[in-house]
Amino acid sequence: MESADEAQAAIDALNEQDLDGRTIRVNVAQERSGGDRPPRDFGNAPRGGGGGYRG
């Protein structure tokens, strides 16, 4: 985008539009704060795999 006005015009044109049967939201990206969600911990959950030749 060349200007903030062009960016806002694109947001206004695309926000709340239908895309493949779903309504999309378009807005200005905001920097995320890193402290509001704890890190994910999978503990001893199985990791899949184990496949292979079954002869």
N, C-alpha and C. Protein backbone atom coordinates (compact mmCIF):
# COMPACT_ATOMS: atom_id res chain seq x y z
N MET A 1 0.84 -1.17 0.00
CA MET A 1 0.00 0.00 0.00
C MET A 1 0.89 1.24 0.00
N GLU A 2 0.46 2.22 -0.73
CA GLU A 2 1.24 3.44 -0.80
C GLU A 2 0.88 4.43 0.30
N SER A 3 -0.32 4.31 0.87
CA SER A 3 -0.70 5.27 1.90
C SER A 3 -1.65 4.63 2.89
N ALA A 4 -1.79 5.28 4.03
CA ALA A 4 -2.73 4.80 5.05
C ALA A 4 -4.16 4.86 4.53
N ASP A 5 -4.46 5.85 3.67
CA ASP A 5 -5.81 5.96 3.11
C ASP A 5 -6.13 4.77 2.21
N GLU A 6 -5.15 4.34 1.40
CA GLU A 6 -5.36 3.17 0.54
C GLU A 6 -5.52 1.90 1.36
N ALA A 7 -4.75 1.79 2.42
CA ALA A 7 -4.86 0.62 3.29
C ALA A 7 -6.24 0.57 3.94
N GLN A 8 -6.73 1.70 4.43
CA GLN A 8 -8.05 1.74 5.05
C GLN A 8 -9.15 1.45 4.03
N ALA A 9 -8.98 1.92 2.80
CA ALA A 9 -9.97 1.64 1.75
C ALA A 9 -10.03 0.14 1.46
N ALA A 10 -8.87 -0.53 1.44
CA ALA A 10 -8.84 -1.98 1.22
C ALA A 10 -9.51 -2.72 2.37
N ILE A 11 -9.25 -2.29 3.60
CA ILE A 11 -9.89 -2.91 4.77
C ILE A 11 -11.40 -2.74 4.68
N ASP A 12 -11.85 -1.53 4.38
CA ASP A 12 -13.29 -1.26 4.29
C ASP A 12 -13.95 -2.08 3.19
N ALA A 13 -13.24 -2.29 2.08
CA ALA A 13 -13.82 -3.03 0.95
C ALA A 13 -13.92 -4.53 1.24
N LEU A 14 -12.99 -5.08 2.03
CA LEU A 14 -12.94 -6.53 2.24
C LEU A 14 -13.55 -7.01 3.55
N ASN A 15 -13.61 -6.16 4.56
CA ASN A 15 -14.11 -6.58 5.87
C ASN A 15 -15.57 -6.98 5.79
N GLU A 16 -15.91 -8.08 6.48
CA GLU A 16 -17.27 -8.61 6.56
C GLU A 16 -17.79 -9.14 5.22
N GLN A 17 -16.89 -9.47 4.29
CA GLN A 17 -17.29 -10.03 3.00
C GLN A 17 -17.34 -11.55 3.09
N ASP A 18 -18.06 -12.17 2.16
CA ASP A 18 -18.19 -13.62 2.11
C ASP A 18 -17.04 -14.19 1.28
N LEU A 19 -16.38 -15.23 1.82
CA LEU A 19 -15.31 -15.92 1.11
C LEU A 19 -15.56 -17.41 1.28
N ASP A 20 -15.93 -18.07 0.19
CA ASP A 20 -16.22 -19.51 0.22
C ASP A 20 -17.25 -19.86 1.29
N GLY A 21 -18.28 -19.04 1.42
CA GLY A 21 -19.36 -19.33 2.35
C GLY A 21 -19.10 -18.89 3.78
N ARG A 22 -17.99 -18.21 4.03
CA ARG A 22 -17.67 -17.76 5.38
C ARG A 22 -17.44 -16.25 5.37
N THR A 23 -17.86 -15.57 6.42
CA THR A 23 -17.64 -14.14 6.54
C THR A 23 -16.24 -13.90 7.09
N ILE A 24 -15.47 -13.06 6.39
CA ILE A 24 -14.10 -12.78 6.83
C ILE A 24 -14.04 -11.43 7.53
N ARG A 25 -13.06 -11.30 8.42
CA ARG A 25 -12.79 -10.04 9.10
C ARG A 25 -11.42 -9.57 8.66
N VAL A 26 -11.33 -8.31 8.26
CA VAL A 26 -10.06 -7.72 7.84
C VAL A 26 -9.86 -6.48 8.69
N ASN A 27 -8.69 -6.38 9.33
CA ASN A 27 -8.39 -5.20 10.13
C ASN A 27 -6.88 -4.98 10.15
N VAL A 28 -6.46 -3.91 10.80
CA VAL A 28 -5.05 -3.58 10.90
C VAL A 28 -4.40 -4.54 11.89
N ALA A 29 -3.26 -5.11 11.52
CA ALA A 29 -2.56 -6.04 12.41
C ALA A 29 -2.07 -5.30 13.65
N GLN A 30 -2.19 -5.96 14.79
CA GLN A 30 -1.72 -5.42 16.06
C GLN A 30 -0.63 -6.33 16.60
N GLU A 31 0.40 -5.77 17.19
CA GLU A 31 1.45 -6.57 17.79
C GLU A 31 0.88 -7.31 19.00
N ARG A 32 1.21 -8.59 19.10
CA ARG A 32 0.71 -9.40 20.21
C ARG A 32 1.57 -9.18 21.45
N SER A 33 0.89 -9.14 22.60
CA SER A 33 1.65 -9.13 23.85
C SER A 33 1.95 -10.58 24.19
N GLY A 34 3.12 -10.87 24.68
CA GLY A 34 3.54 -12.25 24.86
C GLY A 34 3.16 -12.88 26.17
N GLY A 35 2.55 -12.16 27.12
CA GLY A 35 2.40 -12.72 28.45
C GLY A 35 1.04 -13.22 28.84
N ASP A 36 0.04 -13.19 27.97
CA ASP A 36 -1.30 -13.53 28.42
C ASP A 36 -1.67 -15.00 28.24
N ARG A 37 -0.83 -15.81 27.62
CA ARG A 37 -1.15 -17.22 27.43
C ARG A 37 0.04 -18.07 27.86
N PRO A 38 -0.19 -19.07 28.72
CA PRO A 38 0.93 -19.92 29.13
C PRO A 38 1.39 -20.80 27.97
N PRO A 39 2.66 -21.23 27.97
CA PRO A 39 3.14 -22.10 26.90
C PRO A 39 2.43 -23.44 26.93
N ARG A 40 2.28 -24.05 25.76
CA ARG A 40 1.62 -25.36 25.69
C ARG A 40 2.58 -26.43 26.19
N ASP A 41 2.04 -27.41 26.93
CA ASP A 41 2.84 -28.51 27.46
C ASP A 41 2.12 -29.80 27.11
N PHE A 42 2.76 -30.62 26.30
CA PHE A 42 2.15 -31.87 25.88
C PHE A 42 2.50 -33.02 26.80
N GLY A 43 3.34 -32.79 27.79
CA GLY A 43 3.67 -33.82 28.78
C GLY A 43 4.16 -35.09 28.13
N ASN A 44 3.57 -36.21 28.52
CA ASN A 44 3.96 -37.51 27.99
C ASN A 44 2.99 -38.01 26.93
N ALA A 45 2.35 -37.11 26.22
CA ALA A 45 1.39 -37.51 25.19
C ALA A 45 2.11 -38.29 24.09
N PRO A 46 1.46 -39.33 23.55
CA PRO A 46 2.08 -40.07 22.45
C PRO A 46 2.32 -39.16 21.25
N ARG A 47 3.39 -39.40 20.54
CA ARG A 47 3.77 -38.53 19.44
C ARG A 47 3.44 -39.12 18.07
N GLY A 48 2.70 -40.18 18.01
CA GLY A 48 2.35 -40.76 16.71
C GLY A 48 3.52 -41.52 16.13
N GLY A 49 3.47 -41.76 14.85
CA GLY A 49 4.54 -42.50 14.21
C GLY A 49 4.39 -43.99 14.50
N GLY A 50 5.46 -44.71 14.45
CA GLY A 50 5.44 -46.13 14.74
C GLY A 50 4.96 -46.98 13.59
N GLY A 51 4.65 -46.36 12.47
CA GLY A 51 4.21 -47.13 11.31
C GLY A 51 5.39 -47.80 10.65
N GLY A 52 5.13 -48.44 9.57
CA GLY A 52 6.23 -49.07 8.85
C GLY A 52 5.74 -50.31 8.13
N TYR A 53 6.67 -51.11 7.71
CA TYR A 53 6.36 -52.30 6.93
C TYR A 53 5.64 -53.33 7.78
N ARG A 54 4.52 -53.85 7.27
CA ARG A 54 3.75 -54.84 8.02
C ARG A 54 3.71 -56.18 7.31
N GLY A 55 4.59 -56.35 6.37
CA GLY A 55 4.84 -57.58 5.67
C GLY A 55 3.75 -58.38 5.23
